[in-house]
Every structure is written in C-alpha cells, then in structure tokens.
Amino acid sequence: MNVLKTTSLSVGYKDSKKDVVIQHNLNLYVNKGEMVCLIGPNGSGKTTLLRTLSGLLRPLSGKSYINNIDVQKISSRERALLIALVLTDRVDIENATVESIVSMGLHPHTSWWGKINKQTNSVVESAIEMVHLEKKAHSLLSELSDGERQRVMIAKAFVQDTPIIILDEPTAHLDLPNRIEIMLLLHKLAHETGKTVLISTHELDIALQAADRVWLMTENDGVEVGVPEDLVLNGKFTETFKSDNFIFNPTNGNFSMNYSLTKKVSVFGDKTKMYWTLRALARAGYLAEANAKPAIIIEDNCWKIGDEKFYSIEELLNGLSNAIH
C-alpha cells in the first residue's frame, strides 16, 4: 500500500517572484512498513523534497499525498498525527530538559498542555533509553553535544507514534556505532510496526545495507528509484557520484580516493591482507598490475619481495620506498 506518494511533483523555491525548480516531474511512493533512503549530491534538493512531502513547503506544481489525501489539504494538527518530522535545524528551548523535549512528541495525541501519566511517561522513558540518553534525561538541551541533541529529536519522533517518520540527515552528528544503531533501529521500527520511514542521508555505505529501497537523487536527471543493489549493479550510483577525486567501488559499495598512481607492483596472496595492502599501496602511489615488478607475495606472517621479508605494511612501504630511491 502506498502510504506516501507524489504525482508530477516539482519542488523548489521562489526567488524575486520567480519559481526556481530544483526537481521536477517526480512520481515517487513509499509503502507501509518500508524504509526508504533518499541519497544524492549536495544541492540536488533532498531537504526541499522532504519539506514539501511533509507539507512545510508548497509544491511548485504537482501533488504529494498521504493515504491518498493531498498533503496541502491536511491541517497542521492532522499532519502531526500522521508525520513525525526530524530536521537538521538546531532546536534551542531555554531551560528545556531532554525529558521535556521528548515528551513534546506526545502533544499531538493529547494537547499542548496535556498531562503525562504513568503510561505515557513510560513511553518517554523507553524512547530516551532507545537512543542511550537515560543518564541525561534531566539535563538541559543546552548542555548537550550536537550528536546528543540529534538523538533527543529522534526519540521525540518515536514518541509521536505516527505512521510516517521523515528524517533529514538523522545521523549527521553521530559517531559510527550510533549511526549504525540508529539506522538499524529505524529499519526495525519500519518492519516490526509497519511504520513508513523516509530518510535523507549521506551515509551511503550504511544506506546500501539498511534501505529497502533507495531514492537516488541526481542534480539534473530526477530521481532513480530501486532496490540498493540494483542501483549499484546498473551503474546508477557510479554515474551519480562520478568525480575526479574519488571512485565508487561497485564491488563493495565503498568510495575510494582517486590517487595519482605513478608506480607499479604486482601483489599475490591472502585476500584479507590483499585488500588492506592494496589500500596502502594506492595511498603511496602504487598501481597493482599483473606481471609488474617488483612482485609482492603475501604470506601468513609477512610480505615478501624476493628474499626480503617485511612484517608489517609500514615496513613494506618503507622497503619499497628505499628500493626506488
């Protein structure tokens, strides 16, 4: 079932009474119980699209729908019961604690001054624990780091308990373990509760693993939609993120810096050590090529060039450097 969809949607902004179109003719959808990641280069319109889908911005043309109802015809209060929105805007509320901010997620279901009873307080506590902020539940928002603030807003979205959750760069200020945990948590939330989760992110490697589908936004050619693996295999990721400075590797879904490779070696041996050896060699300007000299043989406990043995990659790089000079 399409919980959220668009028809011929154009998004952008007005400049000197003129429409500036960022993306046009978008026909997109998200299903119930699905997690979709919106990915694309800076300036491609990710935030503008999310704000339009959530009703904060009016579309330049076309429509977006929630449960087949035009978003622009839904009142703000009704939208708050349908969409929990987490934006990158910095929230500053004087003397507000973590607990009080998260509790605000309950307001669409009660009222602004609705009282928090034992049951709703348990919901708030569970959300705070989910994002690992239980030790800071009574801390002021102003005392938190940017990453902690982000987790507070994610907890507030959980408490709001809407069928749709839209998040703009929810892991932007988090360290790697927290980035992975939040993405897994959102994926689990979609699959176990039937909520629809739409996320914009620059975490390409995590999105490729966590997303059920990807909206791959390009600067000029609209949005490519598909299962992440299909978009990798058909070359869309490589095309979208093409650069002289880095390379998208479709073999593992990672980005590699595009070094100037002016020297050649050949490398043979253990595959795990091979991966890390090739990374270090590329950084040092070496291209691995069959039959090139010198030949590096990777054994269980060392790297060999001819009869000479090296017991770490650092020793290997020094050995290669000394041999050339």
Foldseek 3Di string as FASTA:
>chain_A
DFQKWWAQFWWADADPNRGDTLFTGDTDTFFFLFEEEEEADPSSCPVRVLCCSLPVDPTPDTAMDGVNHTNVPADPLRSLQAEQEAELDDDDDPPDFLLNLLLCLCCSVAHNPGDQDPVLSVLSCVLCVLLPCNVRRGPHLVVDDSLVVLSSSVSSSSSNPHLEYEYEASCVPPDDVSVLSVLVVVSCCSNVVRRTYYYYHHPQLSCLVRGQKYFYGARPDGTDIDNSLVCLVVCVVQVRPPDCQWGQDSVRRDIGGNAQADAEEAEDDDPVVVVVLCNVCVVVRYDHDPPDPPYWYDDPQFIDRPPDTHRDSVRVVVVVVVVVD
